[in-house]
Protein backbone atom coordinates (compact mmCIF):
# COMPACT_ATOMS: atom_id res chain seq x y z
CA MET A 1 -6.50 -18.74 23.39
CA HIS A 2 -3.46 -18.07 21.21
CA THR A 3 -2.84 -14.56 19.88
CA ARG A 4 -0.55 -13.86 16.95
CA THR A 5 0.59 -10.52 15.62
CA TRP A 6 1.17 -9.74 11.96
CA ASN A 7 2.22 -6.28 10.83
CA VAL A 8 1.76 -4.50 7.53
CA THR A 9 4.10 -1.69 6.60
CA ILE A 10 3.26 0.66 3.75
CA LEU A 11 6.19 2.48 2.17
CA LEU A 12 5.27 5.45 -0.04
CA THR A 13 7.51 7.13 -2.60
CA GLU A 14 6.51 9.78 -5.09
CA ASP A 15 7.91 11.83 -7.91
CA ASP A 16 6.23 14.56 -9.98
CA GLU A 17 3.37 12.48 -11.35
CA ARG A 18 3.55 9.03 -9.71
CA THR A 19 3.12 7.62 -6.25
CA ARG A 20 4.30 4.10 -5.54
CA ALA A 21 3.27 2.16 -2.44
CA ALA A 22 4.80 -1.08 -1.22
CA ALA A 23 2.65 -3.00 1.25
CA VAL A 24 4.73 -5.52 3.16
CA LEU A 25 3.18 -8.13 5.47
CA HIS A 26 5.46 -9.46 8.21
CA THR A 27 4.19 -12.54 10.07
CA ASP A 28 5.33 -13.60 13.51
CA VAL A 29 7.14 -16.62 12.02
CA GLY A 30 9.22 -14.49 9.66
CA THR A 31 7.20 -14.81 6.46
CA GLU A 32 7.16 -11.68 4.32
CA VAL A 33 4.65 -10.98 1.55
CA ARG A 34 5.02 -7.82 -0.55
CA HIS A 35 2.91 -6.14 -3.22
CA GLU A 36 3.28 -2.78 -4.94
CA GLY A 37 0.61 -0.34 -6.08
CA LEU A 38 0.94 2.67 -8.34
CA ALA A 39 -1.04 5.89 -8.76
CA ARG A 40 -0.46 8.44 -11.49
CA ARG A 41 -1.53 12.05 -11.57
CA SER A 42 -2.60 13.50 -14.88
CA PRO A 43 -0.63 16.65 -15.72
CA GLY A 44 -3.77 18.81 -15.55
CA ASP A 45 -4.90 17.53 -12.16
CA PRO A 46 -4.20 19.56 -9.02
CA GLN A 47 -1.38 18.39 -6.77
CA VAL A 48 -3.03 16.67 -3.79
CA PRO A 49 -0.43 14.18 -2.54
CA GLU A 50 -2.85 12.47 -0.13
CA ILE A 51 -4.97 11.24 -3.05
CA GLY A 52 -2.00 9.56 -4.72
CA ASP A 53 -0.93 8.08 -1.39
CA GLU A 54 -4.41 6.68 -0.74
CA LEU A 55 -4.84 5.22 -4.22
CA ALA A 56 -1.37 3.66 -4.38
CA ALA A 57 -1.75 2.23 -0.85
CA CYS A 58 -5.21 0.86 -1.71
CA ARG A 59 -3.86 -0.88 -4.80
CA ALA A 60 -0.90 -2.28 -2.87
CA LEU A 61 -3.13 -3.60 -0.08
CA ALA A 62 -5.64 -5.10 -2.51
CA GLY A 63 -2.82 -6.88 -4.32
CA LEU A 64 -1.35 -8.03 -1.01
CA ALA A 65 -4.71 -9.50 -0.01
CA GLN A 66 -4.96 -11.35 -3.33
CA ASP A 67 -1.40 -12.67 -2.98
CA LEU A 68 -2.16 -13.89 0.54
CA LEU A 69 -5.34 -15.61 -0.66
CA GLU A 70 -3.44 -17.37 -3.46
CA ALA A 71 -0.78 -18.52 -0.97
CA THR A 72 -3.52 -19.82 1.33
CA VAL A 73 -5.17 -21.76 -1.50
CA ALA A 74 -1.83 -23.32 -2.42
CA ASP A 75 -1.18 -24.27 1.23
CA VAL A 76 -4.64 -25.80 1.64
CA GLU A 77 -4.32 -27.79 -1.60
CA GLN A 78 -0.86 -29.03 -0.65
CA ASN A 79 -2.03 -30.15 2.79
CA MET A 80 -5.40 -31.59 1.71
CA GLY A 81 -4.29 -33.13 -1.59
CA ARG A 82 -7.30 -31.71 -3.42
CA PRO A 83 -8.57 -28.37 -4.76
CA ALA A 84 -9.34 -25.81 -2.09
CA ASP A 85 -12.69 -24.11 -1.57
CA VAL A 86 -11.96 -20.82 0.17
CA THR A 87 -15.12 -18.96 -0.81
CA PRO A 88 -16.39 -16.63 1.90
């Protein structure tokens, strides 16, 4: 059995009304895939930083997953020479 390790780092930055998350996937062969997510707080909402962090991170991770799926489809199509079927 062969085990590989990939790591995802989530970097969070925030200002008064916005939280930005960058989800970065690092593979064991040096590939890096990055996607950013954004959350905005309405001026009348209470300041609960964890909510902005969670929402921005969720959006970044969802985008990262989509980017990885699109890269996989492209790799399969390139190697198979035909459209890929990657439905679950």
